[in-house]
Amino acid sequence: MEKLMYLLWKPDGAGQAWPQAMHQLASALCQQGACRLRLCLDDADVAPAAAMRLSSPGIPLPDAIIAFWMDSASQRAPYEALLQEVCRQLAGYTVAESEPLPNTLHPASGGARTHGMNHVVFLQVPPRLTREEWLSLWHDGHTAVAIETQQTFGYRQNVVVRRLTADAPPVDAIVEENFPPAAMTEQDAFYRRSTAEELATNQKRMYQSCKRFIDFDKMGRLPTSEYNYN
């Protein structure tokens, strides 16, 4: 099976109808046959985390992300037709998913909202690194640092294998991290800490590790609500 991820931009004037349209879309995709569907939505529940948003010239932030599994991406046409009915623009990718920290603390299904915030990050391979070097620094080195220093209860690494739409932004990976609600506004809740000194240490460890494989001016960051459907 293959995992597909679509970045979605809402139509002009969609307003308050957009979130409901996304939930209806998710249900329609499941009826079409999409498996393990996850909707990540920039909605009112993550409004407190607005200051965490970060865009770059090459990676415009979407309004929603839908991920699902299917037997083959070559059979995606009817799924993309449903997406195109409700979105102004979409960008599709096939990805290889790694899940070093499965969400076992706050599982949700049936379209229910997952506890807290899904912190989505869009990455590009820095020009100074080969793809193999980048993956090794990230997966083999940084993964443990991220889990040890942050208050995450879920962590998925989605490496882009192929762009499915011609105008898809040059994204090489999409990271999903589940955080408790307080992490939207409080650094104390974003990082693991018992003292102010430990907080500072973990912030420094995370920054030093990230800068080895991330160019911060070429990344995007979007706080979202996560909804799991099946």
Protein backbone atom coordinates (compact mmCIF):
# COMPACT_ATOMS: atom_id res chain seq x y z
CA MET A 1 0.00 0.00 0.00
CA GLU A 2 0.98 3.65 -0.43
CA LYS A 3 0.41 6.65 1.79
CA LEU A 4 -0.78 9.82 0.07
CA MET A 5 -0.74 13.30 1.59
CA TYR A 6 -2.55 16.30 0.15
CA LEU A 7 -2.07 19.93 1.14
CA LEU A 8 -5.33 21.81 0.65
CA TRP A 9 -6.13 25.50 0.27
CA LYS A 10 -9.66 26.74 0.87
CA PRO A 11 -11.62 28.66 -1.76
CA ASP A 12 -11.96 32.42 -1.45
CA GLY A 13 -14.93 33.25 0.74
CA ALA A 14 -15.16 29.78 2.29
CA GLY A 15 -15.24 31.30 5.77
CA GLN A 16 -16.83 29.30 8.57
CA ALA A 17 -18.15 26.68 6.15
CA TRP A 18 -14.62 25.37 5.46
CA PRO A 19 -14.15 23.11 8.52
CA GLN A 20 -17.48 21.36 7.95
CA ALA A 21 -16.65 20.95 4.25
CA MET A 22 -13.38 19.27 5.24
CA HIS A 23 -15.12 16.81 7.54
CA GLN A 24 -17.63 15.99 4.82
CA LEU A 25 -14.75 15.50 2.40
CA ALA A 26 -13.00 13.14 4.81
CA SER A 27 -16.15 11.03 5.14
CA ALA A 28 -16.58 10.94 1.35
CA LEU A 29 -12.98 9.79 0.86
CA CYS A 30 -13.51 7.00 3.38
CA GLN A 31 -16.64 5.89 1.53
CA GLN A 32 -14.58 5.92 -1.67
CA GLY A 33 -12.15 3.47 -0.04
CA ALA A 34 -9.44 5.58 1.61
CA CYS A 35 -7.86 3.77 4.57
CA ARG A 36 -6.43 5.14 7.84
CA LEU A 37 -7.50 8.67 6.92
CA ARG A 38 -6.21 11.59 8.98
CA LEU A 39 -7.42 15.19 8.59
CA CYS A 40 -5.18 17.97 9.94
CA LEU A 41 -7.08 21.24 10.02
CA ASP A 42 -6.14 24.81 10.82
CA ASP A 43 -9.30 25.49 12.81
CA ALA A 44 -10.52 27.47 15.82
CA ASP A 45 -9.27 24.89 18.31
CA VAL A 46 -5.64 25.71 17.45
CA ALA A 47 -6.12 29.48 17.18
CA PRO A 48 -4.09 29.98 20.41
CA ALA A 49 -1.05 28.58 18.55
CA ALA A 50 -1.20 31.15 15.72
CA ALA A 51 2.18 32.59 16.73
CA MET A 52 3.77 29.24 15.91
CA ARG A 53 2.88 29.49 12.22
CA LEU A 54 5.92 29.84 9.97
CA SER A 55 5.95 30.07 6.18
CA SER A 56 8.77 30.42 3.70
CA PRO A 57 8.82 31.62 0.07
CA GLY A 58 8.95 28.07 -1.29
CA ILE A 59 6.44 26.52 1.12
CA PRO A 60 3.12 28.39 1.43
CA LEU A 61 1.11 27.11 4.37
CA PRO A 62 -2.04 25.15 3.49
CA ASP A 63 -5.36 25.38 5.31
CA ALA A 64 -5.68 21.63 5.75
CA ILE A 65 -3.84 18.37 5.14
CA ILE A 66 -5.47 15.04 4.36
CA ALA A 67 -3.48 11.80 4.52
CA PHE A 68 -4.72 8.33 3.69
CA TRP A 69 -3.56 4.94 2.45
CA MET A 70 -4.59 3.12 -0.72
CA ASP A 71 -3.39 0.10 -2.68
CA SER A 72 -1.71 2.20 -5.38
CA ALA A 73 -1.38 5.92 -6.04
CA SER A 74 -2.05 5.13 -9.70
CA GLN A 75 -5.71 4.69 -8.67
CA ARG A 76 -5.99 8.16 -7.10
CA ALA A 77 -8.05 9.93 -9.79
CA PRO A 78 -11.48 9.57 -8.12
CA TYR A 79 -10.01 10.70 -4.79
CA GLU A 80 -8.43 13.79 -6.33
CA ALA A 81 -11.74 14.56 -8.04
CA LEU A 82 -13.40 14.77 -4.62
CA LEU A 83 -10.61 17.00 -3.32
CA GLN A 84 -10.83 19.35 -6.30
CA GLU A 85 -14.56 19.87 -5.74
CA VAL A 86 -14.02 21.70 -2.46
CA CYS A 87 -10.49 23.18 -2.65
CA ARG A 88 -9.06 26.20 -4.43
CA GLN A 89 -5.71 24.44 -4.81
CA LEU A 90 -4.18 21.13 -3.79
CA ALA A 91 -0.71 19.61 -3.72
CA GLY A 92 -0.30 15.85 -3.54
CA TYR A 93 2.58 13.59 -2.54
CA THR A 94 3.27 9.93 -1.93
CA VAL A 95 5.30 9.51 1.24
CA ALA A 96 7.18 6.86 3.19
CA GLU A 97 5.93 6.98 6.77
CA SER A 98 8.03 6.26 9.84
CA GLU A 99 6.35 6.43 13.25
CA PRO A 100 9.00 6.40 15.99
CA LEU A 101 6.45 7.46 18.62
CA PRO A 102 2.93 6.07 18.03
CA ASN A 103 0.09 7.86 19.79
CA THR A 104 -0.98 5.31 22.40
CA LEU A 105 -1.91 7.86 25.08
CA HIS A 106 -4.71 9.70 23.27
CA PRO A 107 -5.94 7.58 20.35
CA ALA A 108 -8.96 8.84 18.44
CA SER A 109 -11.07 7.42 15.62
CA GLY A 110 -14.40 7.84 13.88
CA GLY A 111 -13.69 11.47 13.03
CA ALA A 112 -13.02 12.44 16.63
CA ARG A 113 -10.49 15.16 17.42
CA THR A 114 -7.16 14.02 18.86
CA HIS A 115 -6.19 15.57 22.19
CA GLY A 116 -4.00 18.69 21.96
CA MET A 117 -2.28 19.94 18.82
CA ASN A 118 -0.75 18.28 15.78
CA HIS A 119 2.34 20.35 15.02
CA VAL A 120 3.04 19.92 11.28
CA VAL A 121 6.43 20.89 9.82
CA PHE A 122 7.39 21.00 6.13
CA LEU A 123 11.06 20.37 5.36
CA GLN A 124 13.43 20.67 2.41
CA VAL A 125 16.81 18.97 2.01
CA PRO A 126 19.46 21.70 2.52
CA PRO A 127 21.76 22.18 -0.52
CA ARG A 128 24.78 21.39 1.65
CA LEU A 129 23.57 17.81 2.24
CA THR A 130 22.88 14.83 0.06
CA ARG A 131 19.51 13.17 0.57
CA GLU A 132 21.23 10.21 2.25
CA GLU A 133 23.15 12.50 4.66
CA TRP A 134 19.96 14.41 5.45
CA LEU A 135 18.00 11.26 6.21
CA SER A 136 20.78 9.88 8.40
CA LEU A 137 21.09 13.10 10.43
CA TRP A 138 17.33 13.27 10.85
CA HIS A 139 16.23 9.66 11.35
CA ASP A 140 19.35 8.15 12.90
CA GLY A 141 20.44 11.11 15.02
CA HIS A 142 17.72 13.70 15.57
CA THR A 143 14.76 11.40 16.22
CA ALA A 144 15.88 10.42 19.71
CA VAL A 145 16.69 14.04 20.57
CA ALA A 146 13.21 15.20 19.52
CA ILE A 147 11.50 12.55 21.65
CA GLU A 148 13.75 13.15 24.65
CA THR A 149 13.45 16.95 24.68
CA GLN A 150 9.80 17.56 23.72
CA GLN A 151 6.44 16.73 25.35
CA THR A 152 5.25 14.80 22.31
CA PHE A 153 2.91 11.83 22.60
CA GLY A 154 2.93 11.08 18.85
CA TYR A 155 5.60 11.53 16.17
CA ARG A 156 5.39 10.67 12.44
CA GLN A 157 8.04 11.31 9.80
CA ASN A 158 6.73 11.38 6.22
CA VAL A 159 9.49 11.43 3.60
CA VAL A 160 8.26 12.52 0.17
CA VAL A 161 8.78 9.83 -2.46
CA ARG A 162 7.01 11.50 -5.37
CA ARG A 163 5.03 14.63 -6.18
CA LEU A 164 1.59 13.74 -7.51
CA THR A 165 0.51 17.18 -8.71
CA ALA A 166 2.48 19.31 -11.12
CA ASP A 167 2.49 22.50 -9.06
CA ALA A 168 3.19 20.89 -5.66
CA PRO A 169 5.67 22.95 -3.58
CA PRO A 170 9.18 21.45 -3.29
CA VAL A 171 8.59 19.68 0.02
CA ASP A 172 10.89 16.78 0.91
CA ALA A 173 9.27 15.76 4.19
CA ILE A 174 6.18 16.41 6.30
CA VAL A 175 6.58 15.95 10.05
CA GLU A 176 3.66 15.44 12.45
CA GLU A 177 4.10 15.82 16.21
CA ASN A 178 1.29 15.53 18.76
CA PHE A 179 1.56 17.89 21.73
CA PRO A 180 -0.64 18.56 24.77
CA PRO A 181 -2.94 21.61 24.57
CA ALA A 182 -0.76 23.82 26.77
CA ALA A 183 2.10 23.51 24.26
CA MET A 184 0.21 25.89 21.96
CA THR A 185 1.17 28.82 24.15
CA GLU A 186 3.71 27.64 26.76
CA GLN A 187 7.31 26.62 26.18
CA ASP A 188 7.19 24.79 29.51
CA ALA A 189 4.59 22.47 28.01
CA PHE A 190 6.29 22.18 24.61
CA TYR A 191 9.56 20.87 26.06
CA ARG A 192 10.16 18.20 28.66
CA ARG A 193 11.34 19.87 31.85
CA SER A 194 11.25 19.70 35.62
CA THR A 195 13.29 22.86 36.23
CA ALA A 196 14.09 26.08 34.36
CA GLU A 197 17.59 24.75 33.80
CA GLU A 198 16.29 21.56 32.20
CA LEU A 199 13.99 23.61 29.96
CA ALA A 200 16.94 25.68 28.72
CA THR A 201 19.02 22.55 28.19
CA ASN A 202 16.32 20.84 26.14
CA GLN A 203 15.69 23.94 24.05
CA LYS A 204 19.40 24.15 23.24
CA ARG A 205 19.67 20.42 22.47
CA MET A 206 16.72 20.62 20.10
CA TYR A 207 18.04 23.69 18.30
CA GLN A 208 21.56 22.31 17.92
CA SER A 209 20.21 19.05 16.55
CA CYS A 210 17.74 20.68 14.13
CA LYS A 211 20.27 23.05 12.58
CA ARG A 212 22.37 20.11 11.42
CA PHE A 213 19.73 19.07 8.86
CA ILE A 214 17.28 22.00 8.59
CA ASP A 215 17.67 25.42 6.97
CA PHE A 216 15.20 27.38 9.08
CA ASP A 217 14.49 29.90 6.33
CA LYS A 218 13.31 27.07 4.07
CA MET A 219 10.80 25.34 6.30
CA GLY A 220 7.13 25.73 7.12
CA ARG A 221 5.29 25.14 10.39
CA LEU A 222 1.55 24.84 10.93
CA PRO A 223 -0.36 24.05 14.15
CA THR A 224 -3.42 21.94 13.40
CA SER A 225 -6.23 19.94 14.92
CA GLU A 226 -6.01 16.25 14.06
CA TYR A 227 -9.05 14.11 13.24
CA ASN A 228 -8.75 10.37 12.61
CA TYR A 229 -11.49 8.68 10.63
CA ASN A 230 -10.67 4.99 10.24
